[in-house]
All heavy atoms as atom14 arrays in JSON, in Angstrom:
{
  "sequence": "LSPVFGWLSDRLGRLPVLLGGQALLLAALVTAW",
  "atom14_mask": [
    [1, 1, 1, 1, 1, 1, 1, 1, 0, 0, 0, 0, 0, 0],
    [1, 1, 1, 1, 1, 1, 0, 0, 0, 0, 0, 0, 0, 0],
    [1, 1, 1, 1, 1, 1, 1, 0, 0, 0, 0, 0, 0, 0],
    [1, 1, 1, 1, 1, 1, 1, 0, 0, 0, 0, 0, 0, 0],
    [1, 1, 1, 1, 1, 1, 1, 1, 1, 1, 1, 0, 0, 0],
    [1, 1, 1, 1, 0, 0, 0, 0, 0, 0, 0, 0, 0, 0],
    [1, 1, 1, 1, 1, 1, 1, 1, 1, 1, 1, 1, 1, 1],
    [1, 1, 1, 1, 1, 1, 1, 1, 0, 0, 0, 0, 0, 0],
    [1, 1, 1, 1, 1, 1, 0, 0, 0, 0, 0, 0, 0, 0],
    [1, 1, 1, 1, 1, 1, 1, 1, 0, 0, 0, 0, 0, 0],
    [1, 1, 1, 1, 1, 1, 1, 1, 1, 1, 1, 0, 0, 0],
    [1, 1, 1, 1, 1, 1, 1, 1, 0, 0, 0, 0, 0, 0],
    [1, 1, 1, 1, 0, 0, 0, 0, 0, 0, 0, 0, 0, 0],
    [1, 1, 1, 1, 1, 1, 1, 1, 1, 1, 1, 0, 0, 0],
    [1, 1, 1, 1, 1, 1, 1, 1, 0, 0, 0, 0, 0, 0],
    [1, 1, 1, 1, 1, 1, 1, 0, 0, 0, 0, 0, 0, 0],
    [1, 1, 1, 1, 1, 1, 1, 0, 0, 0, 0, 0, 0, 0],
    [1, 1, 1, 1, 1, 1, 1, 1, 0, 0, 0, 0, 0, 0],
    [1, 1, 1, 1, 1, 1, 1, 1, 0, 0, 0, 0, 0, 0],
    [1, 1, 1, 1, 0, 0, 0, 0, 0, 0, 0, 0, 0, 0],
    [1, 1, 1, 1, 0, 0, 0, 0, 0, 0, 0, 0, 0, 0],
    [1, 1, 1, 1, 1, 1, 1, 1, 1, 0, 0, 0, 0, 0],
    [1, 1, 1, 1, 1, 0, 0, 0, 0, 0, 0, 0, 0, 0],
    [1, 1, 1, 1, 1, 1, 1, 1, 0, 0, 0, 0, 0, 0],
    [1, 1, 1, 1, 1, 1, 1, 1, 0, 0, 0, 0, 0, 0],
    [1, 1, 1, 1, 1, 1, 1, 1, 0, 0, 0, 0, 0, 0],
    [1, 1, 1, 1, 1, 0, 0, 0, 0, 0, 0, 0, 0, 0],
    [1, 1, 1, 1, 1, 0, 0, 0, 0, 0, 0, 0, 0, 0],
    [1, 1, 1, 1, 1, 1, 1, 1, 0, 0, 0, 0, 0, 0],
    [1, 1, 1, 1, 1, 1, 1, 0, 0, 0, 0, 0, 0, 0],
    [1, 1, 1, 1, 1, 1, 1, 0, 0, 0, 0, 0, 0, 0],
    [1, 1, 1, 1, 1, 0, 0, 0, 0, 0, 0, 0, 0, 0],
    [1, 1, 1, 1, 1, 1, 1, 1, 1, 1, 1, 1, 1, 1]
  ],
  "atom14_positions": [
    [[20.15, -1.05, 0.89], [19.67, -0.26, -0.24], [19.53, 1.22, 0.09], [18.94, 1.97, -0.69], [18.3, -0.81, -0.71], [18.31, -2.22, -1.3], [16.92, -2.58, -1.8], [19.33, -2.34, -2.43], [0.0, 0.0, 0.0], [0.0, 0.0, 0.0], [0.0, 0.0, 0.0], [0.0, 0.0, 0.0], [0.0, 0.0, 0.0], [0.0, 0.0, 0.0]],
    [[20.1, 1.65, 1.21], [19.97, 3.07, 1.55], [20.54, 4.01, 0.49], [19.94, 5.06, 0.22], [20.61, 3.34, 2.92], [21.95, 2.92, 2.96], [0.0, 0.0, 0.0], [0.0, 0.0, 0.0], [0.0, 0.0, 0.0], [0.0, 0.0, 0.0], [0.0, 0.0, 0.0], [0.0, 0.0, 0.0], [0.0, 0.0, 0.0], [0.0, 0.0, 0.0]],
    [[21.68, 3.68, -0.17], [22.13, 4.58, -1.25], [21.12, 4.69, -2.4], [21.02, 5.74, -3.02], [23.44, 3.93, -1.73], [23.92, 3.14, -0.56], [22.67, 2.62, 0.09], [0.0, 0.0, 0.0], [0.0, 0.0, 0.0], [0.0, 0.0, 0.0], [0.0, 0.0, 0.0], [0.0, 0.0, 0.0], [0.0, 0.0, 0.0], [0.0, 0.0, 0.0]],
    [[20.4, 3.6, -2.65], [19.37, 3.65, -3.7], [18.26, 4.62, -3.31], [17.81, 5.45, -4.12], [18.8, 2.24, -3.96], [17.64, 2.3, -4.96], [19.89, 1.3, -4.45], [0.0, 0.0, 0.0], [0.0, 0.0, 0.0], [0.0, 0.0, 0.0], [0.0, 0.0, 0.0], [0.0, 0.0, 0.0], [0.0, 0.0, 0.0], [0.0, 0.0, 0.0]],
    [[17.81, 4.54, -2.07], [16.75, 5.45, -1.63], [17.25, 6.89, -1.58], [16.49, 7.82, -1.85], [16.24, 5.01, -0.25], [15.5, 3.69, -0.26], [15.85, 2.66, 0.6], [14.46, 3.48, -1.14], [15.19, 1.46, 0.59], [13.78, 2.27, -1.17], [14.15, 1.25, -0.3], [0.0, 0.0, 0.0], [0.0, 0.0, 0.0], [0.0, 0.0, 0.0]],
    [[18.53, 7.08, -1.23], [19.08, 8.42, -1.26], [19.1, 8.99, -2.66], [18.75, 10.16, -2.89], [0.0, 0.0, 0.0], [0.0, 0.0, 0.0], [0.0, 0.0, 0.0], [0.0, 0.0, 0.0], [0.0, 0.0, 0.0], [0.0, 0.0, 0.0], [0.0, 0.0, 0.0], [0.0, 0.0, 0.0], [0.0, 0.0, 0.0], [0.0, 0.0, 0.0]],
    [[19.53, 8.18, -3.61], [19.56, 8.6, -5.03], [18.14, 8.9, -5.52], [17.92, 9.91, -6.21], [20.2, 7.49, -5.86], [20.28, 7.8, -7.32], [21.21, 8.57, -7.97], [19.37, 7.35, -8.34], [20.94, 8.62, -9.31], [19.81, 7.88, -9.57], [18.23, 6.55, -8.31], [19.15, 7.62, -10.77], [17.56, 6.3, -9.51], [18.02, 6.84, -10.72]],
    [[17.19, 8.05, -5.17], [15.81, 8.27, -5.61], [15.24, 9.55, -5.01], [14.49, 10.28, -5.67], [14.94, 7.08, -5.21], [15.14, 5.79, -6.02], [14.33, 4.65, -5.42], [14.76, 6.0, -7.49], [0.0, 0.0, 0.0], [0.0, 0.0, 0.0], [0.0, 0.0, 0.0], [0.0, 0.0, 0.0], [0.0, 0.0, 0.0], [0.0, 0.0, 0.0]],
    [[15.58, 9.84, -3.74], [15.04, 11.06, -3.13], [15.6, 12.31, -3.79], [14.94, 13.34, -3.83], [15.35, 11.07, -1.62], [16.72, 11.32, -1.38], [0.0, 0.0, 0.0], [0.0, 0.0, 0.0], [0.0, 0.0, 0.0], [0.0, 0.0, 0.0], [0.0, 0.0, 0.0], [0.0, 0.0, 0.0], [0.0, 0.0, 0.0], [0.0, 0.0, 0.0]],
    [[16.83, 12.22, -4.31], [17.39, 13.34, -5.06], [16.73, 13.49, -6.43], [16.54, 14.61, -6.92], [18.91, 13.14, -5.25], [19.7, 13.32, -3.98], [19.23, 14.05, -3.08], [20.78, 12.73, -3.87], [0.0, 0.0, 0.0], [0.0, 0.0, 0.0], [0.0, 0.0, 0.0], [0.0, 0.0, 0.0], [0.0, 0.0, 0.0], [0.0, 0.0, 0.0]],
    [[16.4, 12.36, -7.06], [15.86, 12.4, -8.42], [14.34, 12.61, -8.45], [13.83, 13.38, -9.26], [16.2, 11.09, -9.15], [17.69, 10.87, -9.38], [18.28, 11.94, -10.29], [19.7, 11.7, -10.55], [20.69, 12.12, -9.79], [20.42, 12.78, -8.67], [21.94, 11.88, -10.12], [0.0, 0.0, 0.0], [0.0, 0.0, 0.0], [0.0, 0.0, 0.0]],
    [[13.64, 11.91, -7.59], [12.17, 11.95, -7.62], [11.58, 12.96, -6.64], [10.41, 13.34, -6.77], [11.59, 10.56, -7.32], [12.06, 9.42, -8.22], [11.41, 8.1, -7.78], [11.74, 9.71, -9.68], [0.0, 0.0, 0.0], [0.0, 0.0, 0.0], [0.0, 0.0, 0.0], [0.0, 0.0, 0.0], [0.0, 0.0, 0.0], [0.0, 0.0, 0.0]],
    [[12.36, 13.34, -5.64], [11.84, 14.23, -4.6], [11.73, 13.51, -3.27], [11.59, 12.28, -3.23], [0.0, 0.0, 0.0], [0.0, 0.0, 0.0], [0.0, 0.0, 0.0], [0.0, 0.0, 0.0], [0.0, 0.0, 0.0], [0.0, 0.0, 0.0], [0.0, 0.0, 0.0], [0.0, 0.0, 0.0], [0.0, 0.0, 0.0], [0.0, 0.0, 0.0]],
    [[11.77, 14.28, -2.19], [11.74, 13.67, -0.85], [10.39, 13.02, -0.55], [10.33, 11.9, -0.04], [12.04, 14.73, 0.22], [13.17, 15.69, -0.08], [14.49, 15.03, -0.33], [15.55, 16.03, -0.46], [16.7, 15.82, -1.08], [16.95, 14.65, -1.65], [17.62, 16.77, -1.15], [0.0, 0.0, 0.0], [0.0, 0.0, 0.0], [0.0, 0.0, 0.0]],
    [[9.3, 13.73, -0.86], [7.97, 13.22, -0.48], [7.61, 11.92, -1.19], [7.11, 11.0, -0.54], [6.92, 14.29, -0.73], [5.5, 13.93, -0.27], [5.48, 13.65, 1.23], [4.52, 15.06, -0.61], [0.0, 0.0, 0.0], [0.0, 0.0, 0.0], [0.0, 0.0, 0.0], [0.0, 0.0, 0.0], [0.0, 0.0, 0.0], [0.0, 0.0, 0.0]],
    [[7.82, 11.79, -2.51], [7.48, 10.52, -3.15], [8.21, 9.32, -2.54], [7.61, 8.25, -2.36], [7.9, 10.73, -4.61], [7.8, 12.21, -4.82], [8.22, 12.8, -3.52], [0.0, 0.0, 0.0], [0.0, 0.0, 0.0], [0.0, 0.0, 0.0], [0.0, 0.0, 0.0], [0.0, 0.0, 0.0], [0.0, 0.0, 0.0], [0.0, 0.0, 0.0]],
    [[9.5, 9.49, -2.2], [10.24, 8.38, -1.6], [9.75, 8.12, -0.18], [9.65, 6.97, 0.25], [11.75, 8.67, -1.62], [12.53, 7.55, -0.93], [12.24, 8.83, -3.05], [0.0, 0.0, 0.0], [0.0, 0.0, 0.0], [0.0, 0.0, 0.0], [0.0, 0.0, 0.0], [0.0, 0.0, 0.0], [0.0, 0.0, 0.0], [0.0, 0.0, 0.0]],
    [[9.42, 9.18, 0.54], [8.86, 9.01, 1.89], [7.55, 8.24, 1.84], [7.32, 7.32, 2.64], [8.65, 10.38, 2.54], [8.0, 10.39, 3.93], [8.84, 9.6, 4.92], [7.82, 11.81, 4.43], [0.0, 0.0, 0.0], [0.0, 0.0, 0.0], [0.0, 0.0, 0.0], [0.0, 0.0, 0.0], [0.0, 0.0, 0.0], [0.0, 0.0, 0.0]],
    [[6.69, 8.59, 0.9], [5.42, 7.88, 0.76], [5.65, 6.43, 0.31], [4.93, 5.52, 0.74], [4.52, 8.61, -0.24], [4.04, 10.0, 0.2], [3.19, 10.65, -0.89], [3.25, 9.91, 1.51], [0.0, 0.0, 0.0], [0.0, 0.0, 0.0], [0.0, 0.0, 0.0], [0.0, 0.0, 0.0], [0.0, 0.0, 0.0], [0.0, 0.0, 0.0]],
    [[6.66, 6.23, -0.54], [7.01, 4.86, -0.92], [7.47, 4.06, 0.29], [7.14, 2.88, 0.42], [0.0, 0.0, 0.0], [0.0, 0.0, 0.0], [0.0, 0.0, 0.0], [0.0, 0.0, 0.0], [0.0, 0.0, 0.0], [0.0, 0.0, 0.0], [0.0, 0.0, 0.0], [0.0, 0.0, 0.0], [0.0, 0.0, 0.0], [0.0, 0.0, 0.0]],
    [[8.22, 4.73, 1.18], [8.64, 4.06, 2.41], [7.45, 3.68, 3.28], [7.42, 2.59, 3.87], [0.0, 0.0, 0.0], [0.0, 0.0, 0.0], [0.0, 0.0, 0.0], [0.0, 0.0, 0.0], [0.0, 0.0, 0.0], [0.0, 0.0, 0.0], [0.0, 0.0, 0.0], [0.0, 0.0, 0.0], [0.0, 0.0, 0.0], [0.0, 0.0, 0.0]],
    [[6.48, 4.56, 3.36], [5.28, 4.24, 4.15], [4.5, 3.08, 3.52], [3.94, 2.24, 4.23], [4.39, 5.48, 4.25], [5.0, 6.65, 4.99], [5.46, 6.28, 6.39], [4.66, 5.86, 7.21], [6.75, 6.45, 6.66], [0.0, 0.0, 0.0], [0.0, 0.0, 0.0], [0.0, 0.0, 0.0], [0.0, 0.0, 0.0], [0.0, 0.0, 0.0]],
    [[4.5, 3.03, 2.19], [3.84, 1.91, 1.51], [4.54, 0.59, 1.83], [3.89, -0.44, 2.04], [3.83, 2.16, 0.0], [0.0, 0.0, 0.0], [0.0, 0.0, 0.0], [0.0, 0.0, 0.0], [0.0, 0.0, 0.0], [0.0, 0.0, 0.0], [0.0, 0.0, 0.0], [0.0, 0.0, 0.0], [0.0, 0.0, 0.0], [0.0, 0.0, 0.0]],
    [[5.87, 0.62, 1.89], [6.62, -0.58, 2.25], [6.35, -0.99, 3.69], [6.21, -2.18, 4.0], [8.11, -0.34, 2.04], [8.6, -0.29, 0.59], [10.02, 0.25, 0.52], [8.53, -1.68, -0.04], [0.0, 0.0, 0.0], [0.0, 0.0, 0.0], [0.0, 0.0, 0.0], [0.0, 0.0, 0.0], [0.0, 0.0, 0.0], [0.0, 0.0, 0.0]],
    [[6.29, 0.0, 4.6], [5.96, -0.31, 5.99], [4.56, -0.93, 6.09], [4.35, -1.89, 6.83], [6.03, 0.96, 6.84], [7.42, 1.55, 7.11], [7.3, 2.85, 7.9], [8.3, 0.56, 7.87], [0.0, 0.0, 0.0], [0.0, 0.0, 0.0], [0.0, 0.0, 0.0], [0.0, 0.0, 0.0], [0.0, 0.0, 0.0], [0.0, 0.0, 0.0]],
    [[3.62, -0.35, 5.35], [2.25, -0.89, 5.37], [2.21, -2.31, 4.83], [1.53, -3.18, 5.39], [1.34, 0.02, 4.55], [-0.16, -0.31, 4.59], [-0.69, -0.24, 6.02], [-0.94, 0.64, 3.69], [0.0, 0.0, 0.0], [0.0, 0.0, 0.0], [0.0, 0.0, 0.0], [0.0, 0.0, 0.0], [0.0, 0.0, 0.0], [0.0, 0.0, 0.0]],
    [[2.98, -2.56, 3.76], [3.04, -3.92, 3.2], [3.62, -4.89, 4.22], [3.17, -6.04, 4.35], [3.87, -3.92, 1.92], [0.0, 0.0, 0.0], [0.0, 0.0, 0.0], [0.0, 0.0, 0.0], [0.0, 0.0, 0.0], [0.0, 0.0, 0.0], [0.0, 0.0, 0.0], [0.0, 0.0, 0.0], [0.0, 0.0, 0.0], [0.0, 0.0, 0.0]],
    [[4.63, -4.43, 4.97], [5.23, -5.27, 5.99], [4.22, -5.62, 7.09], [4.13, -6.77, 7.54], [6.44, -4.56, 6.6], [0.0, 0.0, 0.0], [0.0, 0.0, 0.0], [0.0, 0.0, 0.0], [0.0, 0.0, 0.0], [0.0, 0.0, 0.0], [0.0, 0.0, 0.0], [0.0, 0.0, 0.0], [0.0, 0.0, 0.0], [0.0, 0.0, 0.0]],
    [[3.46, -4.62, 7.52], [2.5, -4.84, 8.59], [1.33, -5.72, 8.14], [0.84, -6.56, 8.92], [1.98, -3.49, 9.09], [3.05, -2.57, 9.7], [2.47, -1.2, 10.02], [3.66, -3.2, 10.95], [0.0, 0.0, 0.0], [0.0, 0.0, 0.0], [0.0, 0.0, 0.0], [0.0, 0.0, 0.0], [0.0, 0.0, 0.0], [0.0, 0.0, 0.0]],
    [[0.88, -5.54, 6.91], [-0.19, -6.39, 6.38], [0.29, -7.84, 6.28], [-0.44, -8.78, 6.61], [-0.66, -5.88, 5.0], [-1.58, -6.89, 4.33], [-1.37, -4.53, 5.14], [0.0, 0.0, 0.0], [0.0, 0.0, 0.0], [0.0, 0.0, 0.0], [0.0, 0.0, 0.0], [0.0, 0.0, 0.0], [0.0, 0.0, 0.0], [0.0, 0.0, 0.0]],
    [[1.54, -8.02, 5.84], [2.1, -9.37, 5.75], [2.21, -10.01, 7.13], [1.9, -11.2, 7.31], [3.5, -9.31, 5.1], [3.39, -8.69, 3.81], [4.06, -10.72, 4.93], [0.0, 0.0, 0.0], [0.0, 0.0, 0.0], [0.0, 0.0, 0.0], [0.0, 0.0, 0.0], [0.0, 0.0, 0.0], [0.0, 0.0, 0.0], [0.0, 0.0, 0.0]],
    [[2.62, -9.22, 8.13], [2.69, -9.74, 9.51], [1.3, -10.07, 10.03], [1.11, -11.07, 10.75], [3.37, -8.72, 10.41], [0.0, 0.0, 0.0], [0.0, 0.0, 0.0], [0.0, 0.0, 0.0], [0.0, 0.0, 0.0], [0.0, 0.0, 0.0], [0.0, 0.0, 0.0], [0.0, 0.0, 0.0], [0.0, 0.0, 0.0], [0.0, 0.0, 0.0]],
    [[0.34, -9.25, 9.69], [-1.04, -9.44, 10.15], [-1.64, -10.72, 9.58], [-2.23, -11.52, 10.29], [-1.86, -8.21, 9.75], [-3.33, -8.31, 10.01], [-3.94, -8.84, 11.1], [-4.37, -7.87, 9.13], [-5.32, -8.74, 10.98], [-5.6, -8.14, 9.77], [-4.38, -7.25, 7.89], [-6.82, -7.83, 9.19], [-5.59, -6.93, 7.32], [-6.8, -7.22, 7.97]]
  ]
}
């Protein structure tokens, strides 16, 4: 899905997608925990 995230970063801005990525990482870690 990297092209999707690239498209979103162009449309929504770099920081919102970066923060969304951190939210996904946090969700992954909570699920592992």
